N, C-alpha and C. Protein backbone atom coordinates (compact mmCIF):
# COMPACT_ATOMS: atom_id res chain seq x y z
N MET A 1 12.93 15.75 -8.18
CA MET A 1 12.40 14.42 -7.88
C MET A 1 11.19 14.15 -8.77
N LYS A 2 11.13 12.94 -9.35
CA LYS A 2 10.04 12.58 -10.25
C LYS A 2 9.51 11.21 -9.87
N LEU A 3 8.17 11.06 -9.87
CA LEU A 3 7.53 9.79 -9.58
C LEU A 3 6.82 9.31 -10.83
N LEU A 4 7.20 8.14 -11.30
CA LEU A 4 6.59 7.57 -12.50
C LEU A 4 5.57 6.53 -12.08
N GLY A 5 4.31 6.71 -12.54
CA GLY A 5 3.24 5.79 -12.21
C GLY A 5 1.91 6.51 -12.20
N HIS A 6 0.82 5.79 -12.49
CA HIS A 6 -0.50 6.42 -12.56
C HIS A 6 -1.14 6.46 -11.17
N ALA A 7 -1.96 7.47 -10.96
CA ALA A 7 -2.46 7.78 -9.62
C ALA A 7 -3.51 6.80 -9.11
N LYS A 8 -3.99 5.87 -9.95
CA LYS A 8 -4.94 4.87 -9.49
C LYS A 8 -4.25 3.64 -8.91
N SER A 9 -2.97 3.49 -9.16
CA SER A 9 -2.22 2.33 -8.68
C SER A 9 -2.11 2.36 -7.16
N ILE A 10 -2.44 1.25 -6.51
CA ILE A 10 -2.34 1.18 -5.05
C ILE A 10 -0.90 1.40 -4.59
N ASN A 11 0.06 0.93 -5.36
CA ASN A 11 1.46 1.08 -4.95
C ASN A 11 1.96 2.50 -5.17
N VAL A 12 1.50 3.15 -6.21
CA VAL A 12 1.84 4.56 -6.40
C VAL A 12 1.21 5.40 -5.30
N ARG A 13 0.00 5.05 -4.91
CA ARG A 13 -0.69 5.82 -3.87
C ARG A 13 0.00 5.70 -2.50
N LYS A 14 0.64 4.57 -2.23
CA LYS A 14 1.46 4.47 -1.01
C LYS A 14 2.51 5.58 -0.99
N VAL A 15 3.19 5.75 -2.11
CA VAL A 15 4.26 6.75 -2.19
C VAL A 15 3.68 8.15 -2.13
N LEU A 16 2.56 8.38 -2.81
CA LEU A 16 1.95 9.70 -2.79
C LEU A 16 1.51 10.09 -1.38
N TRP A 17 0.93 9.16 -0.63
CA TRP A 17 0.54 9.46 0.74
C TRP A 17 1.78 9.74 1.60
N THR A 18 2.81 8.94 1.43
CA THR A 18 4.05 9.18 2.16
C THR A 18 4.58 10.58 1.86
N CYS A 19 4.52 10.98 0.60
CA CYS A 19 4.99 12.31 0.24
C CYS A 19 4.17 13.40 0.92
N VAL A 20 2.87 13.19 1.07
CA VAL A 20 2.04 14.17 1.79
C VAL A 20 2.54 14.30 3.23
N GLU A 21 2.79 13.16 3.87
CA GLU A 21 3.27 13.19 5.26
C GLU A 21 4.62 13.91 5.37
N LEU A 22 5.41 13.84 4.33
CA LEU A 22 6.76 14.41 4.36
C LEU A 22 6.80 15.84 3.81
N GLY A 23 5.68 16.32 3.27
CA GLY A 23 5.69 17.64 2.67
C GLY A 23 6.43 17.70 1.35
N LEU A 24 6.49 16.58 0.63
CA LEU A 24 7.17 16.51 -0.66
C LEU A 24 6.14 16.54 -1.79
N SER A 25 6.53 17.14 -2.91
CA SER A 25 5.63 17.21 -4.08
C SER A 25 6.41 16.83 -5.33
N PRO A 26 6.74 15.55 -5.50
CA PRO A 26 7.49 15.17 -6.69
C PRO A 26 6.66 15.37 -7.96
N GLU A 27 7.33 15.69 -9.03
CA GLU A 27 6.66 15.72 -10.33
C GLU A 27 6.23 14.29 -10.67
N ARG A 28 5.01 14.13 -11.17
CA ARG A 28 4.54 12.77 -11.48
C ARG A 28 4.29 12.62 -12.96
N ASP A 29 4.76 11.51 -13.52
CA ASP A 29 4.53 11.13 -14.92
C ASP A 29 3.63 9.91 -14.95
N ASP A 30 2.59 9.95 -15.77
CA ASP A 30 1.69 8.80 -15.89
C ASP A 30 2.34 7.67 -16.67
N TRP A 31 2.42 6.51 -16.01
CA TRP A 31 2.87 5.27 -16.65
C TRP A 31 2.05 4.14 -16.07
N GLY A 32 1.76 3.13 -16.88
CA GLY A 32 1.02 1.97 -16.41
C GLY A 32 -0.47 2.19 -16.46
N GLY A 33 -1.23 1.12 -16.13
CA GLY A 33 -2.69 1.20 -16.19
C GLY A 33 -3.15 1.50 -17.60
N ASP A 34 -4.06 2.49 -17.71
CA ASP A 34 -4.56 2.87 -19.04
C ASP A 34 -3.81 4.07 -19.60
N THR A 35 -2.61 4.35 -19.03
CA THR A 35 -1.77 5.43 -19.56
C THR A 35 -0.68 4.80 -20.43
N ARG A 36 0.52 5.32 -20.38
CA ARG A 36 1.59 4.76 -21.21
C ARG A 36 2.04 3.40 -20.69
N PRO A 37 2.21 2.42 -21.58
CA PRO A 37 2.61 1.07 -21.13
C PRO A 37 4.04 1.04 -20.60
N THR A 38 4.21 0.31 -19.50
CA THR A 38 5.55 0.20 -18.91
C THR A 38 6.44 -0.78 -19.67
N SER A 39 5.91 -1.35 -20.74
CA SER A 39 6.72 -2.23 -21.59
C SER A 39 7.51 -1.44 -22.63
N ARG A 40 7.31 -0.13 -22.68
CA ARG A 40 8.04 0.68 -23.64
C ARG A 40 9.53 0.68 -23.31
N PRO A 41 10.38 0.68 -24.32
CA PRO A 41 11.82 0.63 -24.08
C PRO A 41 12.34 1.78 -23.22
N ASP A 42 11.75 2.98 -23.35
CA ASP A 42 12.26 4.11 -22.57
C ASP A 42 11.95 3.93 -21.08
N PHE A 43 10.83 3.25 -20.76
CA PHE A 43 10.56 2.98 -19.35
C PHE A 43 11.45 1.84 -18.85
N LEU A 44 11.56 0.78 -19.65
CA LEU A 44 12.37 -0.36 -19.24
C LEU A 44 13.84 0.00 -19.06
N ALA A 45 14.29 1.03 -19.77
CA ALA A 45 15.67 1.48 -19.59
C ALA A 45 15.88 2.03 -18.19
N LEU A 46 14.80 2.56 -17.58
CA LEU A 46 14.87 3.08 -16.22
C LEU A 46 14.57 2.01 -15.18
N ASN A 47 13.61 1.13 -15.50
CA ASN A 47 13.23 0.06 -14.58
C ASN A 47 12.97 -1.21 -15.38
N PRO A 48 13.95 -2.09 -15.48
CA PRO A 48 13.79 -3.33 -16.25
C PRO A 48 12.67 -4.23 -15.73
N LYS A 49 12.22 -4.01 -14.48
CA LYS A 49 11.10 -4.81 -13.95
C LYS A 49 9.79 -4.47 -14.64
N GLY A 50 9.70 -3.30 -15.24
CA GLY A 50 8.49 -2.91 -15.94
C GLY A 50 7.32 -2.63 -15.02
N LEU A 51 7.59 -2.17 -13.80
CA LEU A 51 6.53 -1.94 -12.82
C LEU A 51 6.59 -0.51 -12.29
N VAL A 52 5.43 -0.03 -11.86
CA VAL A 52 5.35 1.24 -11.15
C VAL A 52 5.05 0.95 -9.69
N PRO A 53 5.48 1.88 -8.79
CA PRO A 53 6.10 3.17 -9.06
C PRO A 53 7.60 3.06 -9.29
N LEU A 54 8.11 4.12 -9.90
CA LEU A 54 9.55 4.31 -10.05
C LEU A 54 9.84 5.73 -9.61
N LEU A 55 10.74 5.89 -8.66
CA LEU A 55 11.12 7.21 -8.17
C LEU A 55 12.50 7.56 -8.70
N ILE A 56 12.58 8.72 -9.34
CA ILE A 56 13.86 9.26 -9.79
C ILE A 56 14.23 10.41 -8.86
N ASP A 57 15.31 10.26 -8.14
CA ASP A 57 15.78 11.29 -7.22
C ASP A 57 17.23 11.56 -7.54
N GLY A 58 17.45 12.57 -8.36
CA GLY A 58 18.82 12.84 -8.82
C GLY A 58 19.33 11.69 -9.66
N VAL A 59 20.44 11.10 -9.23
CA VAL A 59 21.03 9.99 -9.99
C VAL A 59 20.44 8.65 -9.55
N HIS A 60 19.56 8.66 -8.57
CA HIS A 60 19.02 7.42 -8.02
C HIS A 60 17.67 7.07 -8.67
N ALA A 61 17.53 5.83 -9.09
CA ALA A 61 16.26 5.31 -9.60
C ALA A 61 15.83 4.19 -8.67
N LEU A 62 14.72 4.38 -7.97
CA LEU A 62 14.30 3.43 -6.95
C LEU A 62 12.99 2.77 -7.35
N THR A 63 12.91 1.47 -7.09
CA THR A 63 11.72 0.68 -7.38
C THR A 63 11.20 0.03 -6.10
N GLU A 64 10.03 -0.59 -6.19
CA GLU A 64 9.35 -1.26 -5.10
C GLU A 64 8.76 -0.23 -4.14
N SER A 65 7.43 -0.20 -4.07
CA SER A 65 6.73 0.88 -3.36
C SER A 65 7.13 0.98 -1.89
N ASN A 66 7.19 -0.13 -1.18
CA ASN A 66 7.53 -0.05 0.24
C ASN A 66 8.97 0.43 0.45
N THR A 67 9.86 0.02 -0.43
CA THR A 67 11.23 0.49 -0.37
C THR A 67 11.31 1.99 -0.62
N ILE A 68 10.55 2.47 -1.59
CA ILE A 68 10.53 3.91 -1.88
C ILE A 68 10.01 4.69 -0.67
N CYS A 69 8.96 4.19 -0.03
CA CYS A 69 8.44 4.86 1.16
C CYS A 69 9.50 4.93 2.26
N ARG A 70 10.21 3.82 2.48
CA ARG A 70 11.27 3.81 3.49
C ARG A 70 12.40 4.77 3.12
N TYR A 71 12.77 4.78 1.85
CA TYR A 71 13.82 5.68 1.38
C TYR A 71 13.45 7.14 1.65
N LEU A 72 12.23 7.51 1.31
CA LEU A 72 11.82 8.91 1.47
C LEU A 72 11.78 9.31 2.94
N ALA A 73 11.27 8.43 3.80
CA ALA A 73 11.22 8.75 5.23
C ALA A 73 12.64 8.90 5.79
N ALA A 74 13.54 8.01 5.39
CA ALA A 74 14.93 8.10 5.85
C ALA A 74 15.61 9.34 5.29
N ARG A 75 15.35 9.64 4.03
CA ARG A 75 15.93 10.81 3.36
C ARG A 75 15.55 12.09 4.09
N GLU A 76 14.32 12.15 4.60
CA GLU A 76 13.82 13.35 5.27
C GLU A 76 14.05 13.32 6.78
N GLY A 77 14.69 12.24 7.26
CA GLY A 77 14.98 12.14 8.69
C GLY A 77 13.75 11.99 9.56
N ARG A 78 12.72 11.35 9.04
CA ARG A 78 11.47 11.22 9.77
C ARG A 78 11.45 9.92 10.57
N THR A 79 12.07 9.98 11.74
CA THR A 79 12.15 8.80 12.58
C THR A 79 10.84 8.47 13.27
N ASP A 80 9.83 9.35 13.15
CA ASP A 80 8.50 8.98 13.62
C ASP A 80 7.86 7.97 12.67
N LEU A 81 8.07 8.15 11.38
CA LEU A 81 7.51 7.24 10.39
C LEU A 81 8.34 5.97 10.23
N LEU A 82 9.65 6.09 10.38
CA LEU A 82 10.57 4.95 10.26
C LEU A 82 11.60 5.09 11.37
N PRO A 83 11.41 4.39 12.49
CA PRO A 83 12.24 4.61 13.68
C PRO A 83 13.73 4.41 13.43
N GLU A 84 14.50 5.08 14.27
CA GLU A 84 15.96 5.00 14.16
C GLU A 84 16.51 3.74 14.80
N SER A 85 15.95 3.31 15.93
CA SER A 85 16.48 2.13 16.62
C SER A 85 16.21 0.88 15.78
N ALA A 86 17.16 -0.03 15.82
CA ALA A 86 17.07 -1.23 14.98
C ALA A 86 15.81 -2.04 15.28
N ALA A 87 15.47 -2.22 16.55
CA ALA A 87 14.32 -3.04 16.92
C ALA A 87 13.01 -2.39 16.49
N ASP A 88 12.87 -1.09 16.74
CA ASP A 88 11.63 -0.40 16.39
C ASP A 88 11.47 -0.31 14.87
N ARG A 89 12.57 -0.08 14.19
CA ARG A 89 12.50 -0.04 12.71
C ARG A 89 12.12 -1.41 12.16
N ALA A 90 12.69 -2.45 12.72
CA ALA A 90 12.36 -3.80 12.26
C ALA A 90 10.88 -4.11 12.45
N ALA A 91 10.28 -3.61 13.52
CA ALA A 91 8.85 -3.85 13.76
C ALA A 91 8.02 -3.22 12.65
N VAL A 92 8.37 -2.00 12.26
CA VAL A 92 7.65 -1.33 11.17
C VAL A 92 7.86 -2.08 9.86
N GLU A 93 9.10 -2.44 9.58
CA GLU A 93 9.40 -3.11 8.32
C GLU A 93 8.78 -4.49 8.25
N ALA A 94 8.64 -5.16 9.38
CA ALA A 94 8.03 -6.49 9.39
C ALA A 94 6.57 -6.41 8.93
N TRP A 95 5.84 -5.42 9.42
CA TRP A 95 4.45 -5.27 9.00
C TRP A 95 4.35 -4.82 7.55
N MET A 96 5.29 -4.01 7.10
CA MET A 96 5.31 -3.61 5.69
C MET A 96 5.60 -4.81 4.80
N ASP A 97 6.53 -5.65 5.23
CA ASP A 97 6.85 -6.85 4.44
C ASP A 97 5.68 -7.83 4.43
N TRP A 98 4.99 -7.95 5.55
CA TRP A 98 3.80 -8.81 5.61
C TRP A 98 2.74 -8.32 4.63
N GLN A 99 2.58 -7.00 4.55
CA GLN A 99 1.62 -6.44 3.59
C GLN A 99 2.00 -6.83 2.16
N ALA A 100 3.27 -6.74 1.84
CA ALA A 100 3.71 -6.97 0.47
C ALA A 100 3.73 -8.45 0.09
N THR A 101 3.72 -9.34 1.08
CA THR A 101 3.83 -10.77 0.78
C THR A 101 2.55 -11.50 1.15
N GLU A 102 2.33 -11.76 2.41
CA GLU A 102 1.19 -12.58 2.83
C GLU A 102 -0.15 -11.94 2.47
N LEU A 103 -0.31 -10.65 2.79
CA LEU A 103 -1.60 -10.01 2.55
C LEU A 103 -1.87 -9.86 1.06
N ASN A 104 -0.89 -9.40 0.29
CA ASN A 104 -1.09 -9.27 -1.16
C ASN A 104 -1.41 -10.60 -1.82
N ASN A 105 -0.72 -11.64 -1.42
CA ASN A 105 -0.99 -12.95 -2.01
C ASN A 105 -2.39 -13.44 -1.68
N ALA A 106 -2.90 -13.07 -0.52
CA ALA A 106 -4.24 -13.50 -0.13
C ALA A 106 -5.31 -12.87 -1.00
N TRP A 107 -5.18 -11.59 -1.31
CA TRP A 107 -6.27 -10.91 -2.03
C TRP A 107 -6.20 -11.03 -3.55
N ARG A 108 -5.11 -11.49 -4.08
CA ARG A 108 -4.89 -11.40 -5.52
C ARG A 108 -6.04 -11.97 -6.36
N VAL A 109 -6.43 -13.20 -6.10
CA VAL A 109 -7.46 -13.84 -6.93
C VAL A 109 -8.81 -13.16 -6.74
N ALA A 110 -9.19 -12.88 -5.49
CA ALA A 110 -10.49 -12.26 -5.23
C ALA A 110 -10.58 -10.88 -5.89
N PHE A 111 -9.57 -10.06 -5.69
CA PHE A 111 -9.62 -8.71 -6.24
C PHE A 111 -9.56 -8.73 -7.76
N MET A 112 -8.65 -9.50 -8.31
CA MET A 112 -8.52 -9.52 -9.78
C MET A 112 -9.77 -10.11 -10.44
N GLY A 113 -10.43 -11.06 -9.76
CA GLY A 113 -11.63 -11.65 -10.33
C GLY A 113 -12.88 -10.82 -10.13
N LEU A 114 -13.06 -10.27 -8.92
CA LEU A 114 -14.31 -9.59 -8.58
C LEU A 114 -14.31 -8.11 -8.93
N VAL A 115 -13.15 -7.48 -8.92
CA VAL A 115 -13.08 -6.04 -9.22
C VAL A 115 -12.55 -5.80 -10.63
N ARG A 116 -11.42 -6.38 -10.93
CA ARG A 116 -10.82 -6.16 -12.26
C ARG A 116 -11.47 -7.04 -13.34
N ARG A 117 -12.19 -8.06 -12.93
CA ARG A 117 -12.86 -8.97 -13.87
C ARG A 117 -11.89 -9.59 -14.86
N HIS A 118 -10.71 -9.92 -14.38
CA HIS A 118 -9.70 -10.53 -15.23
C HIS A 118 -10.08 -11.99 -15.48
N PRO A 119 -10.13 -12.42 -16.75
CA PRO A 119 -10.59 -13.79 -17.05
C PRO A 119 -9.72 -14.89 -16.43
N ALA A 120 -8.46 -14.60 -16.15
CA ALA A 120 -7.58 -15.60 -15.55
C ALA A 120 -7.93 -15.88 -14.10
N TYR A 121 -8.78 -15.02 -13.50
CA TYR A 121 -9.14 -15.16 -12.08
C TYR A 121 -10.65 -15.33 -11.90
N ALA A 122 -11.30 -15.96 -12.89
CA ALA A 122 -12.76 -16.04 -12.90
C ALA A 122 -13.32 -17.26 -12.17
N ASP A 123 -12.45 -18.20 -11.77
CA ASP A 123 -12.94 -19.43 -11.14
C ASP A 123 -13.58 -19.13 -9.78
N PRO A 124 -14.87 -19.43 -9.60
CA PRO A 124 -15.55 -19.10 -8.34
C PRO A 124 -14.93 -19.77 -7.11
N GLY A 125 -14.50 -21.02 -7.27
CA GLY A 125 -13.89 -21.72 -6.14
C GLY A 125 -12.60 -21.07 -5.70
N ALA A 126 -11.78 -20.68 -6.66
CA ALA A 126 -10.52 -20.00 -6.34
C ALA A 126 -10.80 -18.64 -5.70
N GLN A 127 -11.85 -17.97 -6.16
CA GLN A 127 -12.22 -16.69 -5.57
C GLN A 127 -12.63 -16.86 -4.11
N LEU A 128 -13.43 -17.88 -3.84
CA LEU A 128 -13.86 -18.13 -2.46
C LEU A 128 -12.67 -18.45 -1.55
N ASP A 129 -11.74 -19.24 -2.05
CA ASP A 129 -10.53 -19.54 -1.27
C ASP A 129 -9.75 -18.27 -0.98
N SER A 130 -9.64 -17.41 -1.97
CA SER A 130 -8.92 -16.15 -1.80
C SER A 130 -9.62 -15.25 -0.79
N ILE A 131 -10.95 -15.19 -0.86
CA ILE A 131 -11.72 -14.38 0.10
C ILE A 131 -11.48 -14.87 1.52
N GLN A 132 -11.50 -16.19 1.70
CA GLN A 132 -11.28 -16.75 3.03
C GLN A 132 -9.88 -16.41 3.54
N SER A 133 -8.89 -16.57 2.68
CA SER A 133 -7.51 -16.25 3.07
C SER A 133 -7.37 -14.76 3.39
N TRP A 134 -7.98 -13.94 2.56
CA TRP A 134 -7.90 -12.50 2.76
C TRP A 134 -8.54 -12.11 4.10
N ASN A 135 -9.72 -12.65 4.37
CA ASN A 135 -10.39 -12.35 5.64
C ASN A 135 -9.59 -12.85 6.84
N ASN A 136 -8.95 -14.00 6.68
CA ASN A 136 -8.10 -14.52 7.77
C ASN A 136 -6.94 -13.58 8.07
N GLU A 137 -6.30 -13.07 7.00
CA GLU A 137 -5.18 -12.15 7.20
C GLU A 137 -5.65 -10.84 7.82
N MET A 138 -6.80 -10.36 7.38
CA MET A 138 -7.32 -9.11 7.94
C MET A 138 -7.73 -9.29 9.40
N SER A 139 -8.16 -10.48 9.76
CA SER A 139 -8.48 -10.76 11.17
C SER A 139 -7.22 -10.71 12.02
N LEU A 140 -6.11 -11.15 11.45
CA LEU A 140 -4.83 -11.05 12.16
C LEU A 140 -4.48 -9.58 12.41
N LEU A 141 -4.66 -8.74 11.39
CA LEU A 141 -4.40 -7.31 11.56
C LEU A 141 -5.35 -6.71 12.59
N ASP A 142 -6.60 -7.12 12.58
CA ASP A 142 -7.57 -6.61 13.55
C ASP A 142 -7.14 -6.95 14.97
N ALA A 143 -6.66 -8.17 15.18
CA ALA A 143 -6.19 -8.56 16.51
C ALA A 143 -5.00 -7.72 16.95
N ARG A 144 -4.12 -7.42 16.02
CA ARG A 144 -2.97 -6.57 16.33
C ARG A 144 -3.43 -5.18 16.75
N LEU A 145 -4.37 -4.60 16.02
CA LEU A 145 -4.85 -3.26 16.32
C LEU A 145 -5.66 -3.24 17.61
N ALA A 146 -6.33 -4.33 17.92
CA ALA A 146 -7.04 -4.41 19.20
C ALA A 146 -6.06 -4.36 20.37
N ARG A 147 -4.86 -4.94 20.16
CA ARG A 147 -3.84 -4.91 21.23
C ARG A 147 -3.22 -3.53 21.38
N THR A 148 -2.93 -2.87 20.27
CA THR A 148 -2.28 -1.55 20.36
C THR A 148 -3.29 -0.46 20.70
N ASP A 149 -4.52 -0.63 20.26
CA ASP A 149 -5.59 0.37 20.45
C ASP A 149 -5.18 1.74 19.92
N ALA A 150 -4.35 1.72 18.87
CA ALA A 150 -3.90 2.99 18.29
C ALA A 150 -3.49 2.75 16.84
N PHE A 151 -2.21 2.47 16.62
CA PHE A 151 -1.69 2.25 15.27
C PHE A 151 -1.02 0.88 15.19
N VAL A 152 -0.61 0.50 14.00
CA VAL A 152 -0.12 -0.87 13.79
C VAL A 152 1.06 -1.20 14.69
N CYS A 153 1.98 -0.25 14.86
CA CYS A 153 3.18 -0.53 15.65
C CYS A 153 3.15 0.11 17.03
N GLY A 154 1.98 0.53 17.48
CA GLY A 154 1.89 1.09 18.83
C GLY A 154 1.19 2.43 18.83
N ASP A 155 1.70 3.34 19.64
CA ASP A 155 1.05 4.64 19.83
C ASP A 155 1.33 5.63 18.70
N THR A 156 2.31 5.33 17.86
CA THR A 156 2.77 6.29 16.85
C THR A 156 2.41 5.83 15.44
N PHE A 157 1.91 6.74 14.64
CA PHE A 157 1.65 6.51 13.22
C PHE A 157 2.98 6.31 12.49
N THR A 158 3.07 5.25 11.68
CA THR A 158 4.29 4.94 10.94
C THR A 158 3.97 4.58 9.50
N LEU A 159 5.02 4.27 8.74
CA LEU A 159 4.83 3.82 7.36
C LEU A 159 3.98 2.55 7.29
N ALA A 160 4.02 1.73 8.32
CA ALA A 160 3.22 0.51 8.32
C ALA A 160 1.73 0.83 8.20
N ASP A 161 1.31 1.92 8.83
CA ASP A 161 -0.09 2.32 8.74
C ASP A 161 -0.46 2.74 7.33
N ILE A 162 0.45 3.40 6.64
CA ILE A 162 0.16 3.84 5.27
C ILE A 162 -0.09 2.65 4.36
N VAL A 163 0.85 1.71 4.33
CA VAL A 163 0.73 0.61 3.37
C VAL A 163 -0.43 -0.32 3.74
N LEU A 164 -0.68 -0.51 5.02
CA LEU A 164 -1.76 -1.41 5.43
C LEU A 164 -3.12 -0.75 5.30
N ALA A 165 -3.20 0.56 5.46
CA ALA A 165 -4.48 1.24 5.25
C ALA A 165 -4.90 1.16 3.79
N LEU A 166 -3.96 1.26 2.87
CA LEU A 166 -4.31 1.13 1.46
C LEU A 166 -4.82 -0.28 1.14
N SER A 167 -4.19 -1.29 1.71
CA SER A 167 -4.68 -2.65 1.53
C SER A 167 -6.05 -2.82 2.17
N THR A 168 -6.27 -2.19 3.31
CA THR A 168 -7.57 -2.29 3.99
C THR A 168 -8.65 -1.61 3.18
N ASN A 169 -8.34 -0.47 2.59
CA ASN A 169 -9.31 0.21 1.72
C ASN A 169 -9.72 -0.70 0.57
N ARG A 170 -8.77 -1.42 0.00
CA ARG A 170 -9.08 -2.37 -1.07
C ARG A 170 -9.99 -3.49 -0.55
N TRP A 171 -9.70 -3.98 0.63
CA TRP A 171 -10.53 -5.03 1.25
C TRP A 171 -11.95 -4.53 1.47
N GLU A 172 -12.10 -3.29 1.93
CA GLU A 172 -13.42 -2.72 2.18
C GLU A 172 -14.22 -2.52 0.89
N MET A 173 -13.55 -2.25 -0.20
CA MET A 173 -14.23 -1.91 -1.45
C MET A 173 -14.50 -3.09 -2.37
N THR A 174 -13.92 -4.24 -2.08
CA THR A 174 -14.16 -5.42 -2.92
C THR A 174 -15.50 -6.05 -2.58
N PRO A 175 -16.34 -6.30 -3.57
CA PRO A 175 -17.68 -6.85 -3.31
C PRO A 175 -17.63 -8.32 -2.90
N MET A 176 -17.59 -8.56 -1.60
CA MET A 176 -17.47 -9.92 -1.07
C MET A 176 -17.93 -9.92 0.38
N ALA A 177 -18.11 -11.10 0.93
CA ALA A 177 -18.48 -11.22 2.35
C ALA A 177 -17.25 -10.93 3.20
N ARG A 178 -17.46 -10.12 4.25
CA ARG A 178 -16.38 -9.76 5.16
C ARG A 178 -16.86 -9.87 6.60
N PRO A 179 -16.00 -10.28 7.50
CA PRO A 179 -16.38 -10.27 8.93
C PRO A 179 -16.34 -8.85 9.47
N ASP A 180 -17.05 -8.62 10.56
CA ASP A 180 -16.95 -7.35 11.27
C ASP A 180 -15.63 -7.34 12.04
N LEU A 181 -14.80 -6.36 11.76
CA LEU A 181 -13.50 -6.24 12.42
C LEU A 181 -13.44 -4.85 13.05
N PRO A 182 -13.93 -4.73 14.29
CA PRO A 182 -14.09 -3.41 14.90
C PRO A 182 -12.80 -2.64 15.13
N ALA A 183 -11.71 -3.34 15.41
CA ALA A 183 -10.44 -2.62 15.63
C ALA A 183 -9.95 -1.99 14.34
N ILE A 184 -10.14 -2.69 13.23
CA ILE A 184 -9.76 -2.11 11.93
C ILE A 184 -10.65 -0.92 11.61
N GLU A 185 -11.93 -1.05 11.86
CA GLU A 185 -12.84 0.07 11.59
C GLU A 185 -12.45 1.31 12.40
N ALA A 186 -12.14 1.13 13.69
CA ALA A 186 -11.75 2.26 14.54
C ALA A 186 -10.43 2.87 14.07
N TRP A 187 -9.50 2.03 13.65
CA TRP A 187 -8.20 2.50 13.15
C TRP A 187 -8.37 3.33 11.88
N MET A 188 -9.19 2.85 10.95
CA MET A 188 -9.42 3.61 9.72
C MET A 188 -10.09 4.94 10.04
N ASP A 189 -10.97 4.96 11.01
CA ASP A 189 -11.58 6.23 11.43
C ASP A 189 -10.54 7.17 12.01
N ARG A 190 -9.57 6.64 12.77
CA ARG A 190 -8.51 7.48 13.31
C ARG A 190 -7.66 8.10 12.20
N LEU A 191 -7.46 7.33 11.15
CA LEU A 191 -6.62 7.81 10.05
C LEU A 191 -7.33 8.85 9.19
N ALA A 192 -8.65 8.95 9.31
CA ALA A 192 -9.43 9.80 8.43
C ALA A 192 -9.10 11.28 8.57
N SER A 193 -8.43 11.68 9.65
CA SER A 193 -8.07 13.09 9.82
C SER A 193 -6.81 13.46 9.05
N ARG A 194 -6.15 12.50 8.44
CA ARG A 194 -4.89 12.75 7.74
C ARG A 194 -5.17 13.04 6.27
N LEU A 195 -4.58 14.12 5.76
CA LEU A 195 -4.82 14.52 4.37
C LEU A 195 -4.42 13.43 3.39
N GLY A 196 -3.30 12.76 3.65
CA GLY A 196 -2.85 11.71 2.74
C GLY A 196 -3.84 10.56 2.66
N PHE A 197 -4.51 10.28 3.76
CA PHE A 197 -5.51 9.20 3.79
C PHE A 197 -6.70 9.55 2.91
N THR A 198 -7.23 10.76 3.07
CA THR A 198 -8.43 11.13 2.30
C THR A 198 -8.10 11.36 0.84
N THR A 199 -6.88 11.79 0.55
CA THR A 199 -6.51 12.09 -0.85
C THR A 199 -6.09 10.86 -1.62
N HIS A 200 -5.36 9.97 -0.97
CA HIS A 200 -4.75 8.86 -1.71
C HIS A 200 -5.16 7.47 -1.23
N CYS A 201 -5.92 7.38 -0.15
CA CYS A 201 -6.34 6.06 0.33
C CYS A 201 -7.85 5.90 0.20
N ARG A 202 -8.60 6.51 1.08
CA ARG A 202 -10.07 6.40 1.01
C ARG A 202 -10.60 7.48 0.07
N ASN A 203 -10.33 7.29 -1.21
CA ASN A 203 -10.67 8.28 -2.22
C ASN A 203 -11.55 7.70 -3.33
N GLY A 204 -12.21 6.58 -3.04
CA GLY A 204 -13.10 5.96 -4.02
C GLY A 204 -12.42 5.02 -4.99
N ILE A 205 -11.12 4.79 -4.82
CA ILE A 205 -10.37 3.89 -5.71
C ILE A 205 -9.92 2.69 -4.90
N ALA A 206 -10.18 1.48 -5.40
CA ALA A 206 -9.75 0.28 -4.72
C ALA A 206 -8.31 -0.06 -5.10
């Protein structure tokens, strides 16, 4: 098994944390970021999307970080991380999909402008709008965690916690105004005992 992608990528780190939970140690090749460009023909031959992570497992080449996490949990039979029942699995996948769509879209301008300093995201008004949207989405997550008083989908740690904790770490590290969200703070503290969290989430990288 081989994982293509650089270790600073938030999406690669989702997969790396999942692998820690599963006891897997895939060989990793640096691609993207300030390593080898994913526009190279040899990478595009494996993943025409030109994005990391890319997981090679035998004859299978898998893309999209949340999909790779689900694949690995299912491959290893870890129904604690990805439940077997249709309803419980859908609950986990719904929060993972929300992370990949609504939450990611909310932070894009703020993070790219304030942390990455990308000139295309330098407009202060657009940054403020993004900050407001991002904080609104995180408040929704905080309300959810206040109801469960444990993990995103209830009493059990799942893949939803992995992907959302990485997004939360990015929210905490971006230099901007944030509301106090005590349920999120308590949840992140609960996750701090997990090796994957300290190694690949709260590791000083946004």
